[in-house]
Each structure stands twice: as C-alpha cells, then as structure tokens.
C-alpha cells in the first residue's frame, strides 16, 4: 500500500501529458505530477536505471513496483535526479 508519504519516480516515453493522465486516473486525482527532465529517448532506460539506483541508496522502496520510495521529501528527490543525470554524462534538459 502506498500513500502521500511515498514518492514514485518513473519515465514518460511518449509525453508528460499522457503519463500524467495515467497517474491522475489511477489515483483519482490525488497525485502531484512533477516533470523534472527531458532525456533523449534512446537514453531513457539507462537514465531511469541510474536515477532509481541513486534514490534507492538513500530511501527504501515501498509497494510492489520498484519506482516507489518511502519518502515525501520530493525536493530532495528532484535534487538526486538532477545530480545523477549531471554525473552520468547523459544529455538532458532540466524543466523543474
């Protein structure tokens, strides 16, 4: 079971708008959707792997999916994502 004290980190393969709609539908509008960075599609899976690994070093996972973390510290998650992408050498555009 997950709640507002947990944070999900994931990727949007087609668009942020379509991914947001899925989250909003799944969680009955009780979701805060925050796009963070635009990564080239061919590097998206690698970026996700690196980011999830970096977040997992600080926060435990919760729920069945590997993208849910036991934290409501969303600003810190945003900072971990930015630092991880910057260190990775993957070209990205930060949007939040």
N, C-alpha and C. Protein backbone atom coordinates (compact mmCIF):
# COMPACT_ATOMS: atom_id res chain seq x y z
N UNK A 1 0.84 -1.18 0.00
CA UNK A 1 0.00 0.00 0.00
C UNK A 1 0.89 1.25 0.00
N UNK A 2 0.58 2.20 -0.85
CA UNK A 2 1.32 3.46 -0.88
C UNK A 2 0.36 4.60 -0.57
N UNK A 3 0.95 5.73 -0.12
CA UNK A 3 0.14 6.89 0.22
C UNK A 3 0.93 8.17 -0.04
N UNK A 4 0.45 9.28 0.49
CA UNK A 4 1.09 10.57 0.23
C UNK A 4 2.44 10.73 0.91
N UNK A 5 2.84 9.76 1.71
CA UNK A 5 4.17 9.78 2.33
C UNK A 5 5.20 9.03 1.49
N UNK A 6 4.79 8.61 0.31
CA UNK A 6 5.66 7.88 -0.61
C UNK A 6 5.80 8.66 -1.91
N UNK A 7 6.86 8.41 -2.62
CA UNK A 7 7.14 9.10 -3.88
C UNK A 7 7.42 8.08 -4.97
N UNK A 8 6.77 8.26 -6.12
CA UNK A 8 7.00 7.39 -7.27
C UNK A 8 7.84 8.16 -8.27
N UNK A 9 8.86 7.50 -8.79
CA UNK A 9 9.73 8.10 -9.79
C UNK A 9 9.68 7.21 -11.01
N UNK A 10 9.38 7.80 -12.16
CA UNK A 10 9.27 7.00 -13.37
C UNK A 10 9.56 7.80 -14.61
N UNK A 11 9.37 7.15 -15.74
CA UNK A 11 9.64 7.77 -17.03
C UNK A 11 8.35 7.93 -17.82
N UNK A 12 8.37 8.86 -18.74
CA UNK A 12 7.26 9.08 -19.67
C UNK A 12 7.83 8.89 -21.07
N UNK A 13 7.48 7.79 -21.71
CA UNK A 13 8.06 7.51 -23.03
C UNK A 13 7.46 8.36 -24.14
N UNK A 14 6.16 8.64 -24.07
CA UNK A 14 5.56 9.40 -25.17
C UNK A 14 5.45 10.89 -24.84
N UNK A 15 4.80 11.23 -23.74
CA UNK A 15 4.70 12.64 -23.34
C UNK A 15 4.36 12.74 -21.86
N UNK A 16 4.68 13.89 -21.29
CA UNK A 16 4.33 14.12 -19.90
C UNK A 16 2.82 14.16 -19.73
N UNK A 17 2.12 14.74 -20.70
CA UNK A 17 0.66 14.86 -20.60
C UNK A 17 0.00 13.48 -20.54
N UNK A 18 0.43 12.56 -21.39
CA UNK A 18 -0.19 11.23 -21.38
C UNK A 18 0.17 10.47 -20.10
N UNK A 19 1.39 10.61 -19.63
CA UNK A 19 1.79 9.93 -18.40
C UNK A 19 1.04 10.50 -17.20
N UNK A 20 0.89 11.82 -17.18
CA UNK A 20 0.14 12.46 -16.10
C UNK A 20 -1.29 11.94 -16.06
N UNK A 21 -1.90 11.81 -17.22
CA UNK A 21 -3.29 11.32 -17.28
C UNK A 21 -3.41 9.94 -16.67
N UNK A 22 -2.45 9.05 -16.93
CA UNK A 22 -2.47 7.71 -16.36
C UNK A 22 -2.40 7.79 -14.83
N UNK A 23 -1.50 8.61 -14.31
CA UNK A 23 -1.37 8.75 -12.86
C UNK A 23 -2.65 9.33 -12.25
N UNK A 24 -3.17 10.37 -12.86
CA UNK A 24 -4.38 11.01 -12.35
C UNK A 24 -5.53 10.01 -12.34
N UNK A 25 -5.69 9.26 -13.42
CA UNK A 25 -6.75 8.25 -13.50
C UNK A 25 -6.56 7.16 -12.44
N UNK A 26 -5.33 6.68 -12.29
CA UNK A 26 -5.05 5.60 -11.34
C UNK A 26 -5.24 6.01 -9.89
N UNK A 27 -4.99 7.27 -9.59
CA UNK A 27 -5.02 7.73 -8.20
C UNK A 27 -6.14 8.74 -7.94
N UNK A 28 -7.18 8.70 -8.75
CA UNK A 28 -8.38 9.52 -8.53
C UNK A 28 -8.05 10.99 -8.28
N UNK A 29 -7.21 11.57 -9.10
CA UNK A 29 -6.81 12.98 -9.00
C UNK A 29 -6.03 13.32 -7.74
N UNK A 30 -5.65 12.34 -6.95
CA UNK A 30 -4.90 12.60 -5.71
C UNK A 30 -3.42 12.33 -5.95
N UNK A 31 -2.85 13.08 -6.88
CA UNK A 31 -1.46 12.88 -7.24
C UNK A 31 -0.83 14.23 -7.58
N UNK A 32 0.42 14.37 -7.22
CA UNK A 32 1.20 15.54 -7.60
C UNK A 32 2.19 15.06 -8.66
N UNK A 33 2.00 15.47 -9.89
CA UNK A 33 2.83 15.04 -11.00
C UNK A 33 3.82 16.14 -11.32
N UNK A 34 5.11 15.84 -11.20
CA UNK A 34 6.15 16.85 -11.38
C UNK A 34 7.15 16.39 -12.45
N UNK A 35 7.02 16.86 -13.69
CA UNK A 35 8.05 16.55 -14.69
C UNK A 35 9.37 17.22 -14.28
N UNK A 36 10.46 16.49 -14.41
CA UNK A 36 11.74 17.01 -13.91
C UNK A 36 12.76 17.26 -15.02
N UNK A 37 12.85 16.32 -15.97
CA UNK A 37 13.87 16.46 -17.01
C UNK A 37 13.42 15.78 -18.29
N UNK A 38 13.93 16.30 -19.39
CA UNK A 38 13.73 15.68 -20.70
C UNK A 38 15.04 15.00 -21.08
N UNK A 39 14.95 13.70 -21.35
CA UNK A 39 16.12 12.87 -21.69
C UNK A 39 15.88 12.28 -23.07
N UNK A 40 16.91 12.19 -23.92
CA UNK A 40 16.72 11.55 -25.22
C UNK A 40 16.15 10.14 -25.07
N UNK A 41 15.20 9.80 -25.92
CA UNK A 41 14.50 8.51 -25.83
C UNK A 41 15.47 7.33 -25.78
N UNK A 42 16.54 7.39 -26.56
CA UNK A 42 17.47 6.25 -26.59
C UNK A 42 18.25 6.09 -25.28
N UNK A 43 18.25 7.10 -24.43
CA UNK A 43 18.96 7.03 -23.16
C UNK A 43 18.01 6.98 -21.96
N UNK A 44 16.73 6.91 -22.23
CA UNK A 44 15.72 6.98 -21.17
C UNK A 44 15.80 5.82 -20.19
N UNK A 45 15.96 4.61 -20.70
CA UNK A 45 16.01 3.44 -19.81
C UNK A 45 17.26 3.48 -18.94
N UNK A 46 18.39 3.86 -19.51
CA UNK A 46 19.63 3.97 -18.74
C UNK A 46 19.51 5.07 -17.68
N UNK A 47 18.92 6.20 -18.06
CA UNK A 47 18.73 7.29 -17.10
C UNK A 47 17.84 6.83 -15.95
N UNK A 48 16.77 6.10 -16.26
CA UNK A 48 15.88 5.60 -15.21
C UNK A 48 16.63 4.64 -14.28
N UNK A 49 17.42 3.75 -14.83
CA UNK A 49 18.18 2.80 -14.02
C UNK A 49 19.11 3.53 -13.05
N UNK A 50 19.84 4.51 -13.56
CA UNK A 50 20.78 5.26 -12.73
C UNK A 50 20.05 6.06 -11.64
N UNK A 51 18.97 6.71 -12.00
CA UNK A 51 18.22 7.52 -11.05
C UNK A 51 17.61 6.66 -9.96
N UNK A 52 16.96 5.55 -10.33
CA UNK A 52 16.35 4.68 -9.33
C UNK A 52 17.40 4.11 -8.38
N UNK A 53 18.55 3.77 -8.92
CA UNK A 53 19.63 3.25 -8.09
C UNK A 53 20.12 4.31 -7.10
N UNK A 54 20.27 5.55 -7.56
CA UNK A 54 20.73 6.63 -6.69
C UNK A 54 19.72 6.92 -5.58
N UNK A 55 18.45 6.92 -5.92
CA UNK A 55 17.43 7.17 -4.91
C UNK A 55 17.37 6.02 -3.91
N UNK A 56 17.52 4.80 -4.41
CA UNK A 56 17.46 3.63 -3.53
C UNK A 56 18.62 3.61 -2.52
N UNK A 57 19.72 4.27 -2.84
CA UNK A 57 20.83 4.35 -1.88
C UNK A 57 20.44 5.14 -0.64
N UNK A 58 19.47 6.04 -0.77
CA UNK A 58 19.07 6.87 0.37
C UNK A 58 17.72 6.45 0.96
N UNK A 59 16.81 5.99 0.12
CA UNK A 59 15.45 5.67 0.58
C UNK A 59 15.09 4.22 0.26
N UNK A 60 14.34 3.61 1.16
CA UNK A 60 13.89 2.25 0.91
C UNK A 60 12.71 2.26 -0.05
N UNK A 61 12.55 1.15 -0.74
CA UNK A 61 11.44 1.00 -1.67
C UNK A 61 10.21 0.57 -0.89
N UNK A 62 9.05 0.90 -1.43
CA UNK A 62 7.79 0.54 -0.80
C UNK A 62 6.81 0.12 -1.90
N UNK A 63 5.90 -0.75 -1.57
CA UNK A 63 4.94 -1.22 -2.57
C UNK A 63 5.56 -2.26 -3.48
N UNK A 64 4.79 -2.70 -4.43
CA UNK A 64 5.25 -3.75 -5.34
C UNK A 64 6.18 -3.25 -6.44
N UNK A 65 5.93 -2.04 -6.91
CA UNK A 65 6.72 -1.51 -8.02
C UNK A 65 8.07 -0.99 -7.51
N UNK A 66 9.08 -1.12 -8.34
CA UNK A 66 10.42 -0.70 -7.94
C UNK A 66 10.61 0.81 -7.94
N UNK A 67 9.60 1.55 -8.41
CA UNK A 67 9.72 3.00 -8.51
C UNK A 67 9.16 3.77 -7.33
N UNK A 68 8.59 3.08 -6.35
CA UNK A 68 8.02 3.74 -5.17
C UNK A 68 9.03 3.77 -4.03
N UNK A 69 9.17 4.96 -3.42
CA UNK A 69 10.13 5.12 -2.33
C UNK A 69 9.45 5.67 -1.08
N UNK A 70 9.96 5.27 0.06
CA UNK A 70 9.40 5.64 1.34
C UNK A 70 9.90 7.02 1.76
N UNK A 71 9.41 8.04 1.08
CA UNK A 71 9.76 9.42 1.40
C UNK A 71 8.73 10.38 0.83
N UNK A 72 8.53 11.48 1.51
CA UNK A 72 7.73 12.57 0.97
C UNK A 72 8.63 13.79 0.70
N UNK A 73 9.93 13.58 0.77
CA UNK A 73 10.91 14.65 0.53
C UNK A 73 11.11 14.83 -0.97
N UNK A 74 10.13 15.41 -1.63
CA UNK A 74 10.15 15.48 -3.09
C UNK A 74 11.24 16.40 -3.63
N UNK A 75 11.53 17.48 -2.92
CA UNK A 75 12.60 18.37 -3.39
C UNK A 75 13.94 17.65 -3.36
N UNK A 76 14.16 16.84 -2.37
CA UNK A 76 15.41 16.07 -2.32
C UNK A 76 15.47 15.06 -3.45
N UNK A 77 14.34 14.46 -3.79
CA UNK A 77 14.29 13.53 -4.92
C UNK A 77 14.65 14.27 -6.21
N UNK A 78 14.10 15.46 -6.39
CA UNK A 78 14.42 16.28 -7.58
C UNK A 78 15.92 16.55 -7.63
N UNK A 79 16.52 16.87 -6.50
CA UNK A 79 17.97 17.14 -6.45
C UNK A 79 18.79 15.90 -6.76
N UNK A 80 18.38 14.75 -6.25
CA UNK A 80 19.09 13.50 -6.55
C UNK A 80 19.01 13.21 -8.04
N UNK A 81 17.86 13.40 -8.63
CA UNK A 81 17.70 13.15 -10.07
C UNK A 81 18.61 14.07 -10.87
N UNK A 82 18.61 15.36 -10.55
CA UNK A 82 19.46 16.31 -11.27
C UNK A 82 20.93 15.97 -11.14
N UNK A 83 21.37 15.67 -9.92
CA UNK A 83 22.78 15.33 -9.69
C UNK A 83 23.17 14.05 -10.41
N UNK A 84 22.28 13.07 -10.39
CA UNK A 84 22.57 11.79 -11.04
C UNK A 84 22.68 11.96 -12.55
N UNK A 85 21.77 12.69 -13.14
CA UNK A 85 21.83 12.91 -14.59
C UNK A 85 23.06 13.72 -14.96
N UNK A 86 23.39 14.73 -14.17
CA UNK A 86 24.58 15.55 -14.46
C UNK A 86 25.85 14.71 -14.41
N UNK A 87 25.93 13.83 -13.43
CA UNK A 87 27.12 12.98 -13.26
C UNK A 87 27.20 11.89 -14.33
N UNK A 88 26.06 11.51 -14.89
CA UNK A 88 26.01 10.38 -15.82
C UNK A 88 26.59 10.68 -17.21
N UNK A 89 26.60 11.95 -17.58
CA UNK A 89 27.02 12.29 -18.92
C UNK A 89 25.88 12.22 -19.94
N UNK A 90 24.71 11.81 -19.50
CA UNK A 90 23.54 11.77 -20.37
C UNK A 90 23.08 13.21 -20.59
N UNK A 91 22.88 13.58 -21.84
CA UNK A 91 22.38 14.93 -22.13
C UNK A 91 20.92 14.99 -21.73
N UNK A 92 20.55 16.05 -21.03
CA UNK A 92 19.17 16.21 -20.58
C UNK A 92 18.85 17.69 -20.46
N UNK A 93 17.58 17.98 -20.42
CA UNK A 93 17.11 19.34 -20.19
C UNK A 93 16.30 19.34 -18.91
N UNK A 94 16.74 20.10 -17.94
CA UNK A 94 16.02 20.17 -16.66
C UNK A 94 14.85 21.13 -16.84
N UNK A 95 13.66 20.70 -16.40
CA UNK A 95 12.48 21.53 -16.58
C UNK A 95 11.81 21.89 -15.25
N UNK A 96 12.36 21.43 -14.14
CA UNK A 96 11.80 21.84 -12.85
C UNK A 96 12.91 21.99 -11.82
